[in-house]
Amino acid sequence: MVDDEPRILRFVSARLRLSGYDVVTAGGGEEALSLVDSARPDVVLLDIFMAPVGGLEVLKRLRVSSDTPVIAVSAHASSAGEALTLGANAFLAKPFDPEELLKEIRAVLGGAD
């Protein structure tokens, strides 16, 4: 999970852990790219608006070397089209219902938990 807002990272990662998922968090784009290489996640939950390296840049760079499913999230629903065009598998607008996130995760993982 990648988000530059620590409270969002804590809340969402706690909810995912309670649902049985192992969660690795990153507070920014560069850290996320490094962790994708080392942690090899099954899915990436990626915030779009971060600084200094934004989620769209992370997505572009990730798609060069990885087909790991990505669920893009943003408070700006207008970024959905670009995220999906760049290779995101799904998009959720913030704030999102945790149950909807779990549904999207299951969907991009092919129904597996």
Protein backbone atom coordinates (compact mmCIF):
# COMPACT_ATOMS: atom_id res chain seq x y z
CA MET A 1 0.00 0.00 0.00
CA VAL A 2 1.37 3.39 -1.00
CA ASP A 3 0.11 6.67 0.44
CA ASP A 4 1.87 9.79 1.69
CA GLU A 5 -0.71 10.30 4.46
CA PRO A 6 0.37 8.23 7.50
CA ARG A 7 -3.11 8.07 9.03
CA ILE A 8 -4.57 6.62 5.83
CA LEU A 9 -1.75 4.08 5.69
CA ARG A 10 -2.44 3.05 9.30
CA PHE A 11 -6.21 2.83 8.91
CA VAL A 12 -6.35 0.96 5.61
CA SER A 13 -3.44 -1.37 6.37
CA ALA A 14 -5.04 -2.26 9.73
CA ARG A 15 -8.33 -3.06 7.98
CA LEU A 16 -6.54 -5.20 5.39
CA ARG A 17 -4.64 -7.08 8.10
CA LEU A 18 -7.89 -7.75 9.95
CA SER A 19 -9.18 -9.24 6.70
CA GLY A 20 -6.23 -11.63 6.57
CA TYR A 21 -3.89 -9.85 4.18
CA ASP A 22 -0.17 -9.33 4.72
CA VAL A 23 0.49 -5.63 4.14
CA VAL A 24 3.68 -3.75 3.30
CA THR A 25 3.40 0.04 3.35
CA ALA A 26 5.31 2.81 1.63
CA GLY A 27 5.01 6.52 2.36
CA GLY A 28 6.04 7.65 -1.11
CA GLY A 29 6.72 6.74 -4.71
CA GLU A 30 10.43 5.96 -4.60
CA GLU A 31 10.00 3.77 -1.54
CA ALA A 32 7.12 1.97 -3.27
CA LEU A 33 9.16 1.18 -6.36
CA SER A 34 11.94 -0.22 -4.21
CA LEU A 35 9.51 -2.31 -2.16
CA VAL A 36 7.78 -3.74 -5.22
CA ASP A 37 11.14 -5.17 -6.28
CA SER A 38 11.98 -6.60 -2.86
CA ALA A 39 8.56 -7.54 -1.41
CA ARG A 40 7.00 -8.74 -4.69
CA PRO A 41 3.40 -7.97 -3.68
CA ASP A 42 0.36 -9.67 -5.16
CA VAL A 43 -1.37 -6.29 -5.57
CA VAL A 44 -0.43 -2.62 -5.11
CA LEU A 45 -2.85 -0.08 -3.66
CA LEU A 46 -1.47 3.20 -5.03
CA ASP A 47 -2.42 6.76 -4.11
CA ILE A 48 -2.25 8.99 -7.18
CA PHE A 49 -1.48 12.40 -5.65
CA MET A 50 1.77 12.24 -3.69
CA ALA A 51 4.94 14.30 -3.66
CA PRO A 52 7.64 14.36 -4.83
CA VAL A 53 7.01 11.26 -6.98
CA GLY A 54 3.31 10.94 -7.77
CA GLY A 55 1.32 7.79 -8.25
CA LEU A 56 1.00 8.22 -12.02
CA GLU A 57 4.80 8.33 -12.32
CA VAL A 58 5.07 5.28 -10.08
CA LEU A 59 2.54 3.49 -12.26
CA LYS A 60 4.43 4.37 -15.46
CA ARG A 61 7.72 3.12 -14.01
CA LEU A 62 6.12 0.03 -12.52
CA ARG A 63 4.58 -0.97 -15.84
CA VAL A 64 8.02 -1.00 -17.49
CA SER A 65 9.04 -4.04 -15.46
CA SER A 66 5.99 -5.48 -13.71
CA ASP A 67 2.47 -6.67 -14.38
CA THR A 68 1.57 -6.62 -10.66
CA PRO A 69 -2.09 -5.62 -10.35
CA VAL A 70 -2.52 -2.00 -9.26
CA ILE A 71 -5.57 -0.43 -7.66
CA ALA A 72 -5.21 3.34 -8.00
CA VAL A 73 -6.91 5.53 -5.39
CA SER A 74 -7.46 9.26 -5.31
CA ALA A 75 -9.73 11.93 -3.92
CA HIS A 76 -9.74 13.31 -7.47
CA ALA A 77 -12.00 11.02 -9.50
CA SER A 78 -10.91 12.92 -12.62
CA SER A 79 -7.59 11.04 -12.47
CA ALA A 80 -9.28 7.66 -12.99
CA GLY A 81 -9.05 7.71 -16.78
CA GLU A 82 -5.35 8.50 -16.86
CA ALA A 83 -4.56 5.91 -14.18
CA LEU A 84 -6.45 3.22 -16.08
CA THR A 85 -4.83 4.24 -19.37
CA LEU A 86 -1.38 3.95 -17.76
CA GLY A 87 -2.14 0.40 -16.65
CA ALA A 88 -4.00 0.48 -13.35
CA ASN A 89 -6.31 -2.51 -13.04
CA ALA A 90 -8.93 -0.63 -11.03
CA PHE A 91 -9.65 2.79 -9.54
CA LEU A 92 -11.30 3.76 -6.25
CA ALA A 93 -12.27 7.30 -5.32
CA LYS A 94 -11.37 8.47 -1.81
CA PRO A 95 -12.97 8.20 0.58
CA PHE A 96 -13.85 4.60 -0.19
CA ASP A 97 -15.73 1.97 1.74
CA PRO A 98 -13.27 -0.64 3.10
CA GLU A 99 -15.62 -3.37 1.87
CA GLU A 100 -15.40 -1.95 -1.65
CA LEU A 101 -11.60 -2.04 -1.42
CA LEU A 102 -11.70 -5.69 -0.35
CA LYS A 103 -14.03 -6.45 -3.28
CA GLU A 104 -11.62 -4.75 -5.73
CA ILE A 105 -8.65 -6.62 -4.28
CA ARG A 106 -10.43 -9.94 -4.71
CA ALA A 107 -11.39 -8.96 -8.27
CA VAL A 108 -7.86 -8.05 -9.40
CA LEU A 109 -6.53 -11.20 -7.77
CA GLY A 110 -8.99 -13.28 -9.75
CA GLY A 111 -11.33 -13.93 -6.86
CA ALA A 112 -8.58 -15.31 -4.59
CA ASP A 113 -7.95 -14.04 -1.06
